[in-house]
Every structure is written in C-alpha cells, then in structure tokens.
C-alpha atoms as a PDB file:
ATOM      1  CA  MET A   1     -19.762  30.661 -20.667  1.00  0.00           C
ATOM      2  CA  ILE A   2     -17.730  28.182 -18.317  1.00  0.00           C
ATOM      3  CA  ASN A   3     -15.062  26.909 -20.882  1.00  0.00           C
ATOM      4  CA  HIS A   4     -12.980  24.323 -19.390  1.00  0.00           C
ATOM      5  CA  ALA A   5      -9.979  23.682 -21.744  1.00  0.00           C
ATOM      6  CA  GLU A   6      -9.116  27.382 -21.578  1.00  0.00           C
ATOM      7  CA  MET A   7      -9.469  27.272 -17.387  1.00  0.00           C
ATOM      8  CA  GLN A   8      -6.845  24.449 -17.894  1.00  0.00           C
ATOM      9  CA  GLN A   9      -4.285  26.123 -20.587  1.00  0.00           C
ATOM     10  CA  ALA A  10      -4.453  29.107 -17.940  1.00  0.00           C
ATOM     11  CA  MET A  11      -3.654  27.107 -14.904  1.00  0.00           C
ATOM     12  CA  ARG A  12      -1.016  25.477 -16.716  1.00  0.00           C
ATOM     13  CA  ASP A  13       0.678  28.348 -18.032  1.00  0.00           C
ATOM     14  CA  ARG A  14       0.766  29.258 -14.640  1.00  0.00           C
ATOM     15  CA  ALA A  15       2.745  26.394 -13.763  1.00  0.00           C
ATOM     16  CA  LEU A  16       5.579  26.835 -16.329  1.00  0.00           C
ATOM     17  CA  THR A  17       6.775  29.889 -14.529  1.00  0.00           C
ATOM     18  CA  LEU A  18       7.495  28.352 -11.630  1.00  0.00           C
ATOM     19  CA  SER A  19      10.530  29.184  -9.639  1.00  0.00           C
ATOM     20  CA  VAL A  20      11.891  26.572  -7.193  1.00  0.00           C
ATOM     21  CA  VAL A  21      15.484  27.596  -6.061  1.00  0.00           C
ATOM     22  CA  THR A  22      17.815  29.777  -8.158  1.00  0.00           C
ATOM     23  CA  THR A  23      21.243  31.249  -7.324  1.00  0.00           C
ATOM     24  CA  GLY A  24      20.308  34.287  -8.986  1.00  0.00           C
ATOM     25  CA  ALA A  25      23.442  35.869 -11.252  1.00  0.00           C
ATOM     26  CA  THR A  26      26.564  35.054  -9.491  1.00  0.00           C
ATOM     27  CA  SER A  27      30.035  33.960  -9.720  1.00  0.00           C
ATOM     28  CA  LEU A  28      30.146  30.099 -11.251  1.00  0.00           C
ATOM     29  CA  SER A  29      32.449  27.402 -12.860  1.00  0.00           C
ATOM     30  CA  ALA A  30      31.626  23.929 -13.971  1.00  0.00           C
ATOM     31  CA  THR A  31      33.749  20.835 -13.089  1.00  0.00           C
ATOM     32  CA  ALA A  32      34.075  17.530 -14.390  1.00  0.00           C
ATOM     33  CA  THR A  33      31.834  16.338 -11.904  1.00  0.00           C
ATOM     34  CA  GLY A  34      29.338  19.589 -11.475  1.00  0.00           C
ATOM     35  CA  TYR A  35      28.836  22.929 -10.628  1.00  0.00           C
ATOM     36  CA  ALA A  36      31.213  25.171  -8.094  1.00  0.00           C
ATOM     37  CA  ARG A  37      31.210  28.772  -6.489  1.00  0.00           C
ATOM     38  CA  ALA A  38      33.826  30.798  -4.217  1.00  0.00           C
ATOM     39  CA  ALA A  39      31.038  32.638  -2.274  1.00  0.00           C
ATOM     40  CA  GLY A  40      27.611  32.049  -1.105  1.00  0.00           C
ATOM     41  CA  SER A  41      25.552  28.721  -0.535  1.00  0.00           C
ATOM     42  CA  PHE A  42      23.935  26.273  -2.438  1.00  0.00           C
ATOM     43  CA  LEU A  43      22.784  24.711   0.203  1.00  0.00           C
ATOM     44  CA  THR A  44      21.220  28.025   1.292  1.00  0.00           C
ATOM     45  CA  ASP A  45      19.755  28.590  -1.523  1.00  0.00           C
ATOM     46  CA  GLY A  46      17.923  25.605  -1.463  1.00  0.00           C
ATOM     47  CA  PHE A  47      18.710  22.768  -3.460  1.00  0.00           C
ATOM     48  CA  ARG A  48      18.600  19.564  -3.242  1.00  0.00           C
ATOM     49  CA  VAL A  49      19.310  16.339  -4.048  1.00  0.00           C
ATOM     50  CA  GLY A  50      16.879  15.054  -6.864  1.00  0.00           C
ATOM     51  CA  MET A  51      15.974  18.199  -8.250  1.00  0.00           C
ATOM     52  CA  GLU A  52      16.722  19.067 -12.370  1.00  0.00           C
ATOM     53  CA  LEU A  53      18.419  22.902 -12.586  1.00  0.00           C
ATOM     54  CA  VAL A  54      19.409  23.992 -15.641  1.00  0.00           C
ATOM     55  CA  GLY A  55      22.249  26.724 -16.255  1.00  0.00           C
ATOM     56  CA  THR A  56      21.879  30.062 -17.685  1.00  0.00           C
ATOM     57  CA  SER A  57      25.254  31.497 -20.036  1.00  0.00           C
ATOM     58  CA  PHE A  58      27.521  29.301 -19.365  1.00  0.00           C
ATOM     59  CA  THR A  59      29.762  28.757 -22.661  1.00  0.00           C
ATOM     60  CA  ASN A  60      29.485  24.977 -22.864  1.00  0.00           C
ATOM     61  CA  ALA A  61      25.719  24.396 -24.180  1.00  0.00           C
ATOM     62  CA  ALA A  62      26.166  21.041 -22.121  1.00  0.00           C
ATOM     63  CA  ASN A  63      26.551  23.131 -18.719  1.00  0.00           C
ATOM     64  CA  ASN A  64      23.174  24.780 -19.632  1.00  0.00           C
ATOM     65  CA  ALA A  65      21.085  21.901 -19.873  1.00  0.00           C
ATOM     66  CA  ALA A  66      19.117  20.415 -17.827  1.00  0.00           C
ATOM     67  CA  LYS A  67      20.702  17.545 -15.265  1.00  0.00           C
ATOM     68  CA  VAL A  68      19.628  15.890 -11.966  1.00  0.00           C
ATOM     69  CA  ILE A  69      21.499  16.838  -8.943  1.00  0.00           C
ATOM     70  CA  THR A  70      22.623  14.235  -6.772  1.00  0.00           C
ATOM     71  CA  GLY A  71      24.991  15.774  -4.529  1.00  0.00           C
ATOM     72  CA  VAL A  72      24.770  19.343  -2.861  1.00  0.00           C
ATOM     73  CA  THR A  73      27.489  20.720  -0.236  1.00  0.00           C
ATOM     74  CA  ALA A  74      27.861  24.718   0.342  1.00  0.00           C
ATOM     75  CA  THR A  75      30.066  24.858  -2.524  1.00  0.00           C
ATOM     76  CA  THR A  76      30.072  22.362  -4.856  1.00  0.00           C
ATOM     77  CA  LEU A  77      26.534  21.119  -6.408  1.00  0.00           C
ATOM     78  CA  THR A  78      27.452  17.227  -8.050  1.00  0.00           C
ATOM     79  CA  CYS A  79      25.804  16.812 -11.804  1.00  0.00           C
ATOM     80  CA  PRO A  80      26.523  14.253 -14.011  1.00  0.00           C
ATOM     81  CA  GLY A  81      27.213  15.432 -17.826  1.00  0.00           C
ATOM     82  CA  CYS A  82      29.514  19.009 -17.112  1.00  0.00           C
ATOM     83  CA  ALA A  83      31.784  20.105 -18.954  1.00  0.00           C
ATOM     84  CA  VAL A  84      34.728  21.631 -17.307  1.00  0.00           C
ATOM     85  CA  GLU A  85      34.528  25.745 -17.687  1.00  0.00           C
ATOM     86  CA  ALA A  86      35.997  28.437 -15.634  1.00  0.00           C
ATOM     87  CA  ALA A  87      34.260  31.040 -13.073  1.00  0.00           C
ATOM     88  CA  GLY A  88      32.152  33.500 -14.790  1.00  0.00           C
ATOM     89  CA  THR A  89      29.053  35.102 -13.645  1.00  0.00           C
ATOM     90  CA  ARG A  90      25.735  32.649 -14.231  1.00  0.00           C
ATOM     91  CA  THR A  91      22.843  31.405 -12.790  1.00  0.00           C
ATOM     92  CA  LEU A  92      21.167  28.039 -12.029  1.00  0.00           C
ATOM     93  CA  ALA A  93      17.653  27.645 -11.467  1.00  0.00           C
ATOM     94  CA  VAL A  94      15.202  24.854 -10.482  1.00  0.00           C
ATOM     95  CA  GLY A  95      11.702  25.017 -12.309  1.00  0.00           C
ATOM     96  CA  LEU A  96       9.258  22.777 -13.238  1.00  0.00           C
ATOM     97  CA  PRO A  97      10.488  19.586 -14.144  1.00  0.00           C
ATOM     98  CA  ALA A  98      11.245  19.436 -18.113  1.00  0.00           C
ATOM     99  CA  LEU A  99       9.617  16.209 -18.580  1.00  0.00           C
ATOM    100  CA  ARG A 100       5.538  16.982 -18.681  1.00  0.00           C
ATOM    101  CA  ASP A 101       2.474  14.358 -18.905  1.00  0.00           C
ATOM    102  CA  TRP A 102       0.252  16.393 -20.021  1.00  0.00           C
ATOM    103  CA  GLU A 103      -3.226  14.890 -20.292  1.00  0.00           C
ATOM    104  CA  ASN A 104      -3.625  12.872 -22.695  1.00  0.00           C
ATOM    105  CA  LEU A 105      -0.240  13.657 -24.273  1.00  0.00           C
ATOM    106  CA  PRO A 106       2.288  10.633 -24.522  1.00  0.00           C
ATOM    107  CA  LEU A 107       5.268  10.912 -22.408  1.00  0.00           C
ATOM    108  CA  THR A 108       8.062   8.865 -22.035  1.00  0.00           C
ATOM    109  CA  VAL A 109       9.791   8.881 -18.574  1.00  0.00           C
ATOM    110  CA  VAL A 110      13.836   8.619 -17.787  1.00  0.00           C
ATOM    111  CA  PRO A 111      15.191   7.290 -14.906  1.00  0.00           C
ATOM    112  CA  GLY A 112      16.538   8.984 -12.477  1.00  0.00           C
ATOM    113  CA  ARG A 113      14.961  12.018 -13.680  1.00  0.00           C
ATOM    114  CA  PRO A 114      11.830  13.889 -12.185  1.00  0.00           C
ATOM    115  CA  TYR A 115       8.957  14.775 -13.713  1.00  0.00           C
ATOM    116  CA  VAL A 116       5.212  15.983 -13.354  1.00  0.00           C
ATOM    117  CA  ARG A 117       2.130  14.569 -14.152  1.00  0.00           C
ATOM    118  CA  GLU A 118      -1.138  17.284 -14.455  1.00  0.00           C
ATOM    119  CA  GLN A 119      -4.825  16.456 -14.121  1.00  0.00           C
ATOM    120  CA  TYR A 120      -7.790  18.343 -14.033  1.00  0.00           C
ATOM    121  CA  LEU A 121     -10.672  17.622 -11.692  1.00  0.00           C
ATOM    122  CA  PRO A 122     -13.513  19.784 -13.771  1.00  0.00           C
ATOM    123  CA  GLY A 123     -15.731  19.836 -10.909  1.00  0.00           C
ATOM    124  CA  PRO A 124     -19.236  20.700  -9.728  1.00  0.00           C
ATOM    125  CA  MET A 125     -21.060  23.796 -11.461  1.00  0.00           C
ATOM    126  CA  ALA A 126     -23.529  25.731 -10.363  1.00  0.00           C
ATOM    127  CA  GLN A 127     -26.157  28.585 -10.980  1.00  0.00           C
ATOM    128  CA  ILE A 128     -25.718  31.512  -7.901  1.00  0.00           C
ATOM    129  CA  THR A 129     -27.685  34.174  -9.233  1.00  0.00           C
ATOM    130  CA  LEU A 130     -31.516  34.348  -9.977  1.00  0.00           C
ATOM    131  CA  GLY A 131     -32.895  34.564 -13.681  1.00  0.00           C
ATOM    132  CA  PRO A 132     -32.344  33.123 -17.136  1.00  0.00           C
ATOM    133  CA  LEU A 133     -29.057  34.891 -17.413  1.00  0.00           C
ATOM    134  CA  GLY A 134     -27.795  34.209 -13.786  1.00  0.00           C
ATOM    135  CA  GLU A 135     -24.308  34.315 -13.256  1.00  0.00           C
ATOM    136  CA  LEU A 136     -22.473  31.150 -13.329  1.00  0.00           C
ATOM    137  CA  GLU A 137     -20.056  29.462 -10.812  1.00  0.00           C
ATOM    138  CA  ALA A 138     -17.785  26.139 -11.338  1.00  0.00           C
ATOM    139  CA  ASP A 139     -15.213  25.122  -8.647  1.00  0.00           C
ATOM    140  CA  PRO A 140     -12.707  22.881 -10.319  1.00  0.00           C
ATOM    141  CA  LEU A 141      -9.486  21.364  -9.202  1.00  0.00           C
ATOM    142  CA  TYR A 142      -5.935  21.192 -10.657  1.00  0.00           C
ATOM    143  CA  VAL A 143      -3.645  18.947  -9.458  1.00  0.00           C
ATOM    144  CA  LEU A 144       0.292  18.728 -10.223  1.00  0.00           C
ATOM    145  CA  GLN A 145       1.755  15.332  -9.218  1.00  0.00           C
ATOM    146  CA  ILE A 146       5.805  16.038  -8.514  1.00  0.00           C
ATOM    147  CA  PHE A 147       7.942  12.984  -9.166  1.00  0.00           C
ATOM    148  CA  THR A 148      11.413  12.723  -7.861  1.00  0.00           C
ATOM    149  CA  PRO A 149      13.557   9.744  -7.826  1.00  0.00           C
ATOM    150  CA  ALA A 150      13.362   6.968  -5.315  1.00  0.00           C
ATOM    151  CA  ASN A 151      16.015   6.952  -2.758  1.00  0.00           C
ATOM    152  CA  THR A 152      16.732  10.657  -2.527  1.00  0.00           C
ATOM    153  CA  GLY A 153      14.585  11.567   0.536  1.00  0.00           C
ATOM    154  CA  PHE A 154      12.010  14.422   1.000  1.00  0.00           C
ATOM    155  CA  LEU A 155      13.895  17.138   0.557  1.00  0.00           C
ATOM    156  CA  ALA A 156      13.592  17.522  -2.761  1.00  0.00           C
ATOM    157  CA  ALA A 157      10.235  16.940  -3.362  1.00  0.00           C
ATOM    158  CA  ALA A 158       8.720  19.441  -0.491  1.00  0.00           C
ATOM    159  CA  LYS A 159      10.573  22.344  -2.022  1.00  0.00           C
ATOM    160  CA  TYR A 160       8.998  21.467  -5.141  1.00  0.00           C
ATOM    161  CA  ALA A 161       5.392  21.623  -3.729  1.00  0.00           C
ATOM    162  CA  ASP A 162       6.289  24.514  -1.162  1.00  0.00           C
ATOM    163  CA  ALA A 163       7.035  26.181  -4.503  1.00  0.00           C
ATOM    164  CA  LEU A 164       3.695  25.417  -5.875  1.00  0.00           C
ATOM    165  CA  LEU A 165       2.025  26.628  -2.978  1.00  0.00           C
ATOM    166  CA  ALA A 166       3.629  29.432  -2.992  1.00  0.00           C
ATOM    167  CA  HIS A 167       2.893  30.144  -6.909  1.00  0.00           C
ATOM    168  CA  PHE A 168      -1.148  29.149  -6.515  1.00  0.00           C
ATOM    169  CA  VAL A 169      -1.584  31.292  -3.280  1.00  0.00           C
ATOM    170  CA  PRO A 170      -5.121  31.954  -2.378  1.00  0.00           C
ATOM    171  CA  ARG A 171      -6.792  35.042  -4.405  1.00  0.00           C
ATOM    172  CA  THR A 172      -4.467  34.551  -7.056  1.00  0.00           C
ATOM    173  CA  ALA A 173      -6.265  35.755 -10.397  1.00  0.00           C
ATOM    174  CA  LEU A 174      -5.530  34.567 -13.429  1.00  0.00           C
ATOM    175  CA  THR A 175      -7.929  36.674 -16.608  1.00  0.00           C
ATOM    176  CA  LEU A 176      -9.001  34.509 -19.236  1.00  0.00           C
ATOM    177  CA  THR A 177      -9.152  35.865 -23.270  1.00  0.00           C
ATOM    178  CA  SER A 178     -13.117  35.741 -22.519  1.00  0.00           C
ATOM    179  CA  GLY A 179     -12.810  38.196 -19.910  1.00  0.00           C
ATOM    180  CA  ASP A 180     -13.651  35.430 -16.946  1.00  0.00           C
ATOM    181  CA  VAL A 181     -11.132  35.184 -14.145  1.00  0.00           C
ATOM    182  CA  LEU A 182      -9.833  32.335 -12.127  1.00  0.00           C
ATOM    183  CA  THR A 183      -9.334  32.997  -8.978  1.00  0.00           C
ATOM    184  CA  VAL A 184      -7.458  30.561  -6.489  1.00  0.00           C
ATOM    185  CA  ARG A 185      -9.862  29.616  -3.901  1.00  0.00           C
ATOM    186  CA  THR A 186      -9.322  30.333   0.409  1.00  0.00           C
ATOM    187  CA  ASN A 187     -11.695  27.771   1.486  1.00  0.00           C
ATOM    188  CA  PRO A 188     -10.331  24.898   0.449  1.00  0.00           C
ATOM    189  CA  ALA A 189      -6.553  26.573  -0.402  1.00  0.00           C
ATOM    190  CA  PRO A 190      -4.492  24.567  -2.051  1.00  0.00           C
ATOM    191  CA  PHE A 191      -2.983  21.844  -0.518  1.00  0.00           C
ATOM    192  CA  ARG A 192       0.018  19.173  -0.498  1.00  0.00           C
ATOM    193  CA  GLY A 193      -0.391  15.510  -0.432  1.00  0.00           C
ATOM    194  CA  GLN A 194       1.824  12.972   1.620  1.00  0.00           C
ATOM    195  CA  LEU A 195       4.964  11.661  -0.418  1.00  0.00           C
ATOM    196  CA  LEU A 196       4.295   8.400  -1.389  1.00  0.00           C
ATOM    197  CA  GLN A 197       6.376   5.391  -2.854  1.00  0.00           C
ATOM    198  CA  ASP A 198       5.070   5.048  -6.940  1.00  0.00           C
ATOM    199  CA  VAL A 199       5.599   3.413  -9.612  1.00  0.00           C
ATOM    200  CA  PRO A 200       9.680   1.285  -9.118  1.00  0.00           C
ATOM    201  CA  GLY A 201      12.124   4.373  -9.293  1.00  0.00           C
ATOM    202  CA  TRP A 202      10.001   7.314  -8.202  1.00  0.00           C
ATOM    203  CA  ALA A 203       8.393   9.167  -5.226  1.00  0.00           C
ATOM    204  CA  VAL A 204       5.755  11.208  -6.168  1.00  0.00           C
ATOM    205  CA  VAL A 205       3.758  14.164  -4.117  1.00  0.00           C
ATOM    206  CA  PRO A 206       0.531  15.610  -5.163  1.00  0.00           C
ATOM    207  CA  VAL A 207      -0.331  19.283  -4.611  1.00  0.00           C
ATOM    208  CA  THR A 208      -3.812  20.481  -5.134  1.00  0.00           C
ATOM    209  CA  ILE A 209      -4.471  24.086  -6.418  1.00  0.00           C
ATOM    210  CA  PRO A 210      -8.715  24.450  -5.624  1.00  0.00           C
ATOM    211  CA  PHE A 211     -10.251  27.216  -7.762  1.00  0.00           C
ATOM    212  CA  ARG A 212     -13.384  28.970  -9.005  1.00  0.00           C
ATOM    213  CA  CYS A 213     -14.519  30.597 -12.344  1.00  0.00           C
ATOM    214  CA  ARG A 214     -17.959  32.787 -12.299  1.00  0.00           C
ATOM    215  CA  THR A 215     -19.416  33.840 -15.746  1.00  0.00           C
ATOM    216  CA  PRO A 216     -22.576  35.152 -17.277  1.00  0.00           C
ATOM    217  CA  THR A 217     -24.778  32.315 -18.253  1.00  0.00           C
ATOM    218  CA  VAL A 218     -25.193  32.832 -22.507  1.00  0.00           C
ATOM    219  CA  ASN A 219     -28.752  32.062 -24.164  1.00  0.00           C
END
C-alpha cells in the first residue's frame, strides 16, 4: 500500500548523501583566515563563495567544523573560524547544508549560512490495472529549496542545484522496507527553478524531483 511517510523518508535519506564538491584526500593546511594548498585548485574542484564546507582529518577540531566560504582562489579558501595547522593529508567537502528545515520541525537559521528547506507534495494517485487488487500508482514531488547567503552571486546556488539533479537522475530507484520501489521519473524529469531573492539575507533556488511508486492494492 502507498506509504507517503516512508517515501518521504527515503527521498530525504538520499538527499543526505549529497556530495556537491570535494578536494578528495590531498595535502591541505589551515591558516588564520581559512585553508591553503600547494598543488591542485579549489576553483577547479568547484568551491564557490557562499557554500558551506566541512573538513576531515585535521588535528584541530575547529578546522573540521562547518564553515561558509567567503573567498576562493586556486590555492586558498577564506573561511572564518580556522586555526593555524601545518599541511597534511586531509579532505574538504561540500554536501547538503547542515541547517535543514525538515517539514514540521523547528529550525533557527543563522545569518550568512546556507540552509535547505524540504517540501513533500503527495500528488495524485490512480489505480492503473484492473480488478479489486489492481496496481496503484502514486506520483509525488519532493522539493528541496537551497538558500544561499545574499550578495554571493549565483554560482554556489547553481552548484548545489546541479549536484542535486545529478544525485536524482531519471530512473534512480530507491527500495522501501515494504519492497515497493520509488523511481525518479523521466517525464517530467527533475528540474530546478530560477534563483530568487527570498527572505532578507538569502537567495533561494528550488529543485523539484518527480518520482513514482507502484504497489498492489491491499484490501
């Protein structure tokens, strides 16, 4: 039987595994103003002003904590809150923002930090095969709105949106505990909206993921 709560949780769990950009394991140091590297390029990797990153394998915990990028060059990232640390093999990565406005749960947004808002639209449902135990089809929409700090341009928001579209490509299949399978639709396929100014301090871009679930009718 169609279980919208389980479907929403499956889509959320998939979103939580999002990877937007990463350095991979490489030689990185921390400075008083951010991070530095001697080889490779933060720009080529895809880091952009307005993104939130986290570090891995730094000795000082402050350098692993979530931070917002305020400046990017090929060899430096400006991120308030770093502590000086010599170079070593570490990773910097951007995923789904840590501040998450899940449906019907409280969230206190922090000025200057990106966040994500979730919406689940149950959509229409129909019986698509004949008989009292015919197959049911549901076509919900899962919508994630990515909020990035105002006055940081469109590049961070575009990177987040494009990463979500790549993470939920058409025909992506998610199996529920019931055995039913969610499938990201091909027509319409997932799509993003335009970048708009929202509440003061943020711009927002929505990403809509249409999907389908089919299951036998249960008396």
